C-alpha atoms as a PDB file:
ATOM      1  CA  UNK A   1     103.641  -3.765 225.536  1.00  0.00           C
ATOM      2  CA  UNK A   2     104.499  -4.982 221.377  1.00  0.00           C
ATOM      3  CA  UNK A   3     103.286  -7.982 219.926  1.00  0.00           C
ATOM      4  CA  UNK A   4     106.232  -8.165 217.383  1.00  0.00           C
ATOM      5  CA  UNK A   5     107.387 -11.492 219.159  1.00  0.00           C
ATOM      6  CA  UNK A   6     104.140 -13.060 218.219  1.00  0.00           C
ATOM      7  CA  UNK A   7     104.233 -12.426 214.631  1.00  0.00           C
ATOM      8  CA  UNK A   8     107.159 -14.230 212.194  1.00  0.00           C
ATOM      9  CA  UNK A   9     109.610 -11.776 210.946  1.00  0.00           C
ATOM     10  CA  UNK A  10     110.317 -12.206 207.160  1.00  0.00           C
ATOM     11  CA  UNK A  11     113.304  -9.695 206.464  1.00  0.00           C
ATOM     12  CA  UNK A  12     115.738 -12.295 208.643  1.00  0.00           C
ATOM     13  CA  UNK A  13     116.631 -15.467 206.551  1.00  0.00           C
ATOM     14  CA  UNK A  14     116.016 -18.514 208.208  1.00  0.00           C
ATOM     15  CA  UNK A  15     118.600 -20.869 209.012  1.00  0.00           C
ATOM     16  CA  UNK A  16     119.328 -23.469 205.554  1.00  0.00           C
ATOM     17  CA  UNK A  17     117.294 -21.398 203.357  1.00  0.00           C
ATOM     18  CA  UNK A  18     119.180 -19.559 200.641  1.00  0.00           C
ATOM     19  CA  UNK A  19     117.462 -16.183 199.916  1.00  0.00           C
ATOM     20  CA  UNK A  20     117.635 -15.115 196.168  1.00  0.00           C
ATOM     21  CA  UNK A  21     117.856 -11.426 195.480  1.00  0.00           C
ATOM     22  CA  UNK A  22     116.565  -9.994 192.271  1.00  0.00           C
ATOM     23  CA  UNK A  23     118.281  -7.396 190.452  1.00  0.00           C
ATOM     24  CA  UNK A  24     116.055  -4.543 188.791  1.00  0.00           C
ATOM     25  CA  UNK A  25     116.466  -6.090 185.252  1.00  0.00           C
ATOM     26  CA  UNK A  26     115.243  -9.800 186.245  1.00  0.00           C
ATOM     27  CA  UNK A  27     112.443  -8.025 188.145  1.00  0.00           C
ATOM     28  CA  UNK A  28     111.102  -6.173 185.129  1.00  0.00           C
ATOM     29  CA  UNK A  29     111.419  -8.991 183.195  1.00  0.00           C
ATOM     30  CA  UNK A  30     109.495 -11.193 185.716  1.00  0.00           C
ATOM     31  CA  UNK A  31     106.762  -8.352 185.796  1.00  0.00           C
ATOM     32  CA  UNK A  32     106.621  -8.158 182.017  1.00  0.00           C
ATOM     33  CA  UNK A  33     106.134 -12.000 181.913  1.00  0.00           C
ATOM     34  CA  UNK A  34     103.455 -11.967 184.550  1.00  0.00           C
ATOM     35  CA  UNK A  35     101.673  -8.903 182.826  1.00  0.00           C
ATOM     36  CA  UNK A  36     101.908 -10.921 179.545  1.00  0.00           C
ATOM     37  CA  UNK A  37     100.447 -14.094 181.089  1.00  0.00           C
ATOM     38  CA  UNK A  38      97.447 -12.093 182.563  1.00  0.00           C
ATOM     39  CA  UNK A  39      96.835 -10.073 179.435  1.00  0.00           C
ATOM     40  CA  UNK A  40      96.667 -13.169 177.298  1.00  0.00           C
ATOM     41  CA  UNK A  41      94.490 -14.908 179.910  1.00  0.00           C
ATOM     42  CA  UNK A  42      92.047 -11.874 179.681  1.00  0.00           C
ATOM     43  CA  UNK A  43      92.117 -11.899 175.859  1.00  0.00           C
ATOM     44  CA  UNK A  44      91.332 -15.713 175.989  1.00  0.00           C
ATOM     45  CA  UNK A  45      88.546 -15.211 178.562  1.00  0.00           C
ATOM     46  CA  UNK A  46      86.960 -12.238 176.242  1.00  0.00           C
ATOM     47  CA  UNK A  47      87.108 -14.319 172.941  1.00  0.00           C
ATOM     48  CA  UNK A  48      85.325 -17.618 175.145  1.00  0.00           C
ATOM     49  CA  UNK A  49      82.729 -14.781 176.464  1.00  0.00           C
ATOM     50  CA  UNK A  50      82.001 -13.408 172.835  1.00  0.00           C
ATOM     51  CA  UNK A  51      81.652 -16.860 171.234  1.00  0.00           C
ATOM     52  CA  UNK A  52      79.251 -17.595 174.121  1.00  0.00           C
ATOM     53  CA  UNK A  53      77.211 -14.324 173.344  1.00  0.00           C
ATOM     54  CA  UNK A  54      77.417 -15.021 169.786  1.00  0.00           C
ATOM     55  CA  UNK A  55      75.597 -18.460 170.144  1.00  0.00           C
ATOM     56  CA  UNK A  56      73.334 -17.356 172.351  1.00  0.00           C
ATOM     57  CA  UNK A  57      72.395 -14.578 170.119  1.00  0.00           C
ATOM     58  CA  UNK A  58      72.226 -16.986 167.113  1.00  0.00           C
ATOM     59  CA  UNK A  59      69.873 -19.114 168.774  1.00  0.00           C
ATOM     60  CA  UNK A  60      67.865 -16.191 169.928  1.00  0.00           C
ATOM     61  CA  UNK A  61      67.626 -14.960 166.303  1.00  0.00           C
ATOM     62  CA  UNK A  62      66.687 -18.241 165.205  1.00  0.00           C
ATOM     63  CA  UNK A  63      64.072 -18.378 167.614  1.00  0.00           C
ATOM     64  CA  UNK A  64      62.865 -15.202 166.806  1.00  0.00           C
ATOM     65  CA  UNK A  65      62.741 -16.031 162.830  1.00  0.00           C
ATOM     66  CA  UNK A  66      60.623 -19.126 163.801  1.00  0.00           C
ATOM     67  CA  UNK A  67      58.059 -17.293 165.672  1.00  0.00           C
ATOM     68  CA  UNK A  68      57.892 -14.688 163.064  1.00  0.00           C
ATOM     69  CA  UNK A  69      57.280 -17.186 160.450  1.00  0.00           C
ATOM     70  CA  UNK A  70      54.671 -19.147 162.574  1.00  0.00           C
ATOM     71  CA  UNK A  71      52.693 -15.770 163.366  1.00  0.00           C
ATOM     72  CA  UNK A  72      53.167 -14.740 159.445  1.00  0.00           C
ATOM     73  CA  UNK A  73      51.413 -18.046 158.742  1.00  0.00           C
ATOM     74  CA  UNK A  74      48.892 -18.185 161.367  1.00  0.00           C
ATOM     75  CA  UNK A  75      48.007 -14.449 160.440  1.00  0.00           C
ATOM     76  CA  UNK A  76      47.645 -15.648 156.833  1.00  0.00           C
ATOM     77  CA  UNK A  77      45.475 -18.343 157.593  1.00  0.00           C
ATOM     78  CA  UNK A  78      43.130 -16.538 159.928  1.00  0.00           C
ATOM     79  CA  UNK A  79      42.989 -13.403 156.950  1.00  0.00           C
ATOM     80  CA  UNK A  80      42.053 -16.398 154.446  1.00  0.00           C
ATOM     81  CA  UNK A  81      39.538 -17.597 156.853  1.00  0.00           C
ATOM     82  CA  UNK A  82      37.931 -14.549 157.715  1.00  0.00           C
ATOM     83  CA  UNK A  83      37.316 -13.822 153.648  1.00  0.00           C
ATOM     84  CA  UNK A  84      35.628 -17.183 153.437  1.00  0.00           C
ATOM     85  CA  UNK A  85      32.339 -15.553 152.895  1.00  0.00           C
ATOM     86  CA  UNK A  86      33.267 -12.997 150.384  1.00  0.00           C
ATOM     87  CA  UNK A  87      35.058 -15.782 148.263  1.00  0.00           C
ATOM     88  CA  UNK A  88      32.092 -17.841 148.498  1.00  0.00           C
ATOM     89  CA  UNK A  89      29.988 -14.952 147.204  1.00  0.00           C
ATOM     90  CA  UNK A  90      32.515 -14.560 144.313  1.00  0.00           C
ATOM     91  CA  UNK A  91      32.228 -18.315 143.867  1.00  0.00           C
ATOM     92  CA  UNK A  92      28.451 -18.658 143.941  1.00  0.00           C
ATOM     93  CA  UNK A  93      27.206 -15.270 142.718  1.00  0.00           C
ATOM     94  CA  UNK A  94      29.612 -13.268 140.716  1.00  0.00           C
ATOM     95  CA  UNK A  95      31.596 -15.539 138.679  1.00  0.00           C
ATOM     96  CA  UNK A  96      28.438 -17.474 137.611  1.00  0.00           C
ATOM     97  CA  UNK A  97      26.816 -13.919 136.571  1.00  0.00           C
ATOM     98  CA  UNK A  98      29.783 -13.140 134.514  1.00  0.00           C
ATOM     99  CA  UNK A  99      29.864 -16.333 132.854  1.00  0.00           C
ATOM    100  CA  UNK A 100      26.537 -16.160 131.944  1.00  0.00           C
ATOM    101  CA  UNK A 101      26.722 -12.711 130.810  1.00  0.00           C
ATOM    102  CA  UNK A 102      29.910 -13.693 128.643  1.00  0.00           C
ATOM    103  CA  UNK A 103      28.365 -16.882 127.492  1.00  0.00           C
ATOM    104  CA  UNK A 104      27.384 -15.777 123.854  1.00  0.00           C
ATOM    105  CA  UNK A 105      30.310 -13.745 123.604  1.00  0.00           C
ATOM    106  CA  UNK A 106      32.559 -16.727 124.065  1.00  0.00           C
ATOM    107  CA  UNK A 107      30.623 -19.007 121.825  1.00  0.00           C
ATOM    108  CA  UNK A 108      30.819 -16.632 119.044  1.00  0.00           C
ATOM    109  CA  UNK A 109      34.682 -15.997 119.751  1.00  0.00           C
ATOM    110  CA  UNK A 110      35.044 -20.001 119.673  1.00  0.00           C
ATOM    111  CA  UNK A 111      32.890 -20.207 116.359  1.00  0.00           C
ATOM    112  CA  UNK A 112      35.039 -17.951 114.753  1.00  0.00           C
ATOM    113  CA  UNK A 113      38.068 -19.369 115.441  1.00  0.00           C
ATOM    114  CA  UNK A 114      36.732 -22.586 114.334  1.00  0.00           C
ATOM    115  CA  UNK A 115      35.420 -21.159 111.135  1.00  0.00           C
ATOM    116  CA  UNK A 116      38.992 -19.654 110.324  1.00  0.00           C
ATOM    117  CA  UNK A 117      40.312 -23.405 110.032  1.00  0.00           C
ATOM    118  CA  UNK A 118      37.099 -24.890 107.795  1.00  0.00           C
ATOM    119  CA  UNK A 119      35.931 -21.778 105.207  1.00  0.00           C
ATOM    120  CA  UNK A 120      32.239 -22.143 104.240  1.00  0.00           C
ATOM    121  CA  UNK A 121      31.555 -24.979 106.170  1.00  0.00           C
ATOM    122  CA  UNK A 122      27.997 -25.488 107.711  1.00  0.00           C
ATOM    123  CA  UNK A 123      28.087 -24.155 111.293  1.00  0.00           C
ATOM    124  CA  UNK A 124      25.714 -25.202 114.259  1.00  0.00           C
ATOM    125  CA  UNK A 125      25.542 -23.802 117.960  1.00  0.00           C
ATOM    126  CA  UNK A 126      23.708 -26.215 120.329  1.00  0.00           C
ATOM    127  CA  UNK A 127      22.915 -24.291 123.402  1.00  0.00           C
ATOM    128  CA  UNK A 128      20.694 -24.976 126.479  1.00  0.00           C
ATOM    129  CA  UNK A 129      16.937 -23.946 126.350  1.00  0.00           C
ATOM    130  CA  UNK A 130      16.273 -20.383 126.481  1.00  0.00           C
ATOM    131  CA  UNK A 131      19.485 -18.812 125.289  1.00  0.00           C
ATOM    132  CA  UNK A 132      19.333 -19.088 121.447  1.00  0.00           C
ATOM    133  CA  UNK A 133      18.257 -15.643 120.927  1.00  0.00           C
ATOM    134  CA  UNK A 134      21.154 -14.232 123.069  1.00  0.00           C
ATOM    135  CA  UNK A 135      23.599 -16.605 121.171  1.00  0.00           C
ATOM    136  CA  UNK A 136      22.272 -15.591 117.714  1.00  0.00           C
ATOM    137  CA  UNK A 137      22.091 -11.738 118.737  1.00  0.00           C
ATOM    138  CA  UNK A 138      26.119 -12.023 119.606  1.00  0.00           C
ATOM    139  CA  UNK A 139      27.052 -13.677 116.280  1.00  0.00           C
ATOM    140  CA  UNK A 140      28.801 -11.653 113.483  1.00  0.00           C
ATOM    141  CA  UNK A 141      26.580 -11.063 110.925  1.00  0.00           C
ATOM    142  CA  UNK A 142      29.123 -11.639 108.098  1.00  0.00           C
ATOM    143  CA  UNK A 143      29.055 -15.288 108.869  1.00  0.00           C
ATOM    144  CA  UNK A 144      28.323 -17.367 105.648  1.00  0.00           C
ATOM    145  CA  UNK A 145      26.779 -19.695 105.825  1.00  0.00           C
ATOM    146  CA  UNK A 146      24.515 -18.059 108.549  1.00  0.00           C
ATOM    147  CA  UNK A 147      25.225 -20.555 111.644  1.00  0.00           C
ATOM    148  CA  UNK A 148      22.222 -22.575 113.130  1.00  0.00           C
ATOM    149  CA  UNK A 149      21.526 -22.243 116.598  1.00  0.00           C
ATOM    150  CA  UNK A 150      19.707 -25.218 118.171  1.00  0.00           C
ATOM    151  CA  UNK A 151      18.372 -25.454 121.804  1.00  0.00           C
ATOM    152  CA  UNK A 152      18.923 -28.695 123.820  1.00  0.00           C
ATOM    153  CA  UNK A 153      17.158 -29.231 127.070  1.00  0.00           C
ATOM    154  CA  UNK A 154      19.745 -32.103 128.153  1.00  0.00           C
ATOM    155  CA  UNK A 155      22.380 -28.775 128.474  1.00  0.00           C
ATOM    156  CA  UNK A 156      23.024 -26.954 131.286  1.00  0.00           C
ATOM    157  CA  UNK A 157      23.657 -23.179 131.628  1.00  0.00           C
ATOM    158  CA  UNK A 158      27.116 -22.488 130.739  1.00  0.00           C
ATOM    159  CA  UNK A 159      27.179 -25.606 128.262  1.00  0.00           C
ATOM    160  CA  UNK A 160      27.526 -25.463 124.315  1.00  0.00           C
ATOM    161  CA  UNK A 161      28.386 -27.894 121.619  1.00  0.00           C
ATOM    162  CA  UNK A 162      30.154 -26.341 118.379  1.00  0.00           C
ATOM    163  CA  UNK A 163      30.311 -27.803 114.943  1.00  0.00           C
ATOM    164  CA  UNK A 164      31.826 -26.406 111.926  1.00  0.00           C
ATOM    165  CA  UNK A 165      31.885 -28.748 109.351  1.00  0.00           C
ATOM    166  CA  UNK A 166      33.680 -32.036 110.629  1.00  0.00           C
ATOM    167  CA  UNK A 167      35.211 -30.385 113.685  1.00  0.00           C
ATOM    168  CA  UNK A 168      33.432 -30.194 116.970  1.00  0.00           C
ATOM    169  CA  UNK A 169      33.942 -28.664 120.308  1.00  0.00           C
ATOM    170  CA  UNK A 170      32.082 -28.158 123.504  1.00  0.00           C
ATOM    171  CA  UNK A 171      32.165 -25.171 126.031  1.00  0.00           C
ATOM    172  CA  UNK A 172      31.460 -25.923 129.604  1.00  0.00           C
ATOM    173  CA  UNK A 173      31.591 -22.823 131.585  1.00  0.00           C
ATOM    174  CA  UNK A 174      29.915 -24.886 134.502  1.00  0.00           C
ATOM    175  CA  UNK A 175      32.943 -27.281 134.724  1.00  0.00           C
ATOM    176  CA  UNK A 176      35.208 -24.305 135.203  1.00  0.00           C
ATOM    177  CA  UNK A 177      33.213 -23.113 137.768  1.00  0.00           C
ATOM    178  CA  UNK A 178      33.041 -26.148 139.715  1.00  0.00           C
ATOM    179  CA  UNK A 179      36.635 -26.637 139.536  1.00  0.00           C
ATOM    180  CA  UNK A 180      37.282 -23.330 140.758  1.00  0.00           C
ATOM    181  CA  UNK A 181      34.810 -23.628 143.835  1.00  0.00           C
ATOM    182  CA  UNK A 182      36.609 -27.052 144.399  1.00  0.00           C
ATOM    183  CA  UNK A 183      40.146 -25.667 144.581  1.00  0.00           C
ATOM    184  CA  UNK A 184      38.924 -22.944 146.587  1.00  0.00           C
ATOM    185  CA  UNK A 185      37.130 -25.403 149.201  1.00  0.00           C
ATOM    186  CA  UNK A 186      40.418 -27.286 149.109  1.00  0.00           C
ATOM    187  CA  UNK A 187      42.158 -24.613 149.907  1.00  0.00           C
ATOM    188  CA  UNK A 188      39.802 -23.595 152.658  1.00  0.00           C
ATOM    189  CA  UNK A 189      40.303 -27.151 154.132  1.00  0.00           C
ATOM    190  CA  UNK A 190      43.662 -26.933 154.112  1.00  0.00           C
ATOM    191  CA  UNK A 191      43.955 -23.440 155.978  1.00  0.00           C
ATOM    192  CA  UNK A 192      41.294 -24.885 158.643  1.00  0.00           C
ATOM    193  CA  UNK A 193      43.508 -27.786 159.258  1.00  0.00           C
ATOM    194  CA  UNK A 194      46.694 -25.862 159.610  1.00  0.00           C
ATOM    195  CA  UNK A 195      44.781 -23.576 162.340  1.00  0.00           C
ATOM    196  CA  UNK A 196      43.189 -26.609 164.338  1.00  0.00           C
ATOM    197  CA  UNK A 197      46.962 -28.007 164.664  1.00  0.00           C
ATOM    198  CA  UNK A 198      48.121 -25.004 166.529  1.00  0.00           C
END
């Protein structure tokens, strides 16, 4: 037995409802309109998805660059702190020895510069105790008049006073070394603070 009597028949027009049949041209126009509407909706969805992906990519890139920057700064700080013993050796041993070795030559250069401005004037160098022989040996022999080298126990190693005529000049390599050490200590302090604030 068939169950067709239970199902509604859509092929037969119901009473009071007008059936409108489409010709081939109208049907094709309706299909084209539906296609364009679907295509436009798909295009809009694709643009929206691309904008969302671009925004997400941009924020991920920004976060990655920020992490890289932080990682670089952290690595630089840690490297600086690991080199602290080396820099301490440079400041406490190497630089003072270099200054001590070049002290007499530096004084000689300074005296020559001053003598060019005041030719023929008496010259005097006041140096720390125990350095007069080294300084006198570094002076050029063509100086006229011969510079007088005097030791002063109140001067620290690396300090000297030069006088040519009325011109005076002080040399203080100790202050230079102290300034370098203070700058390095300040830099290390900042690096340690940056590391502790992680």
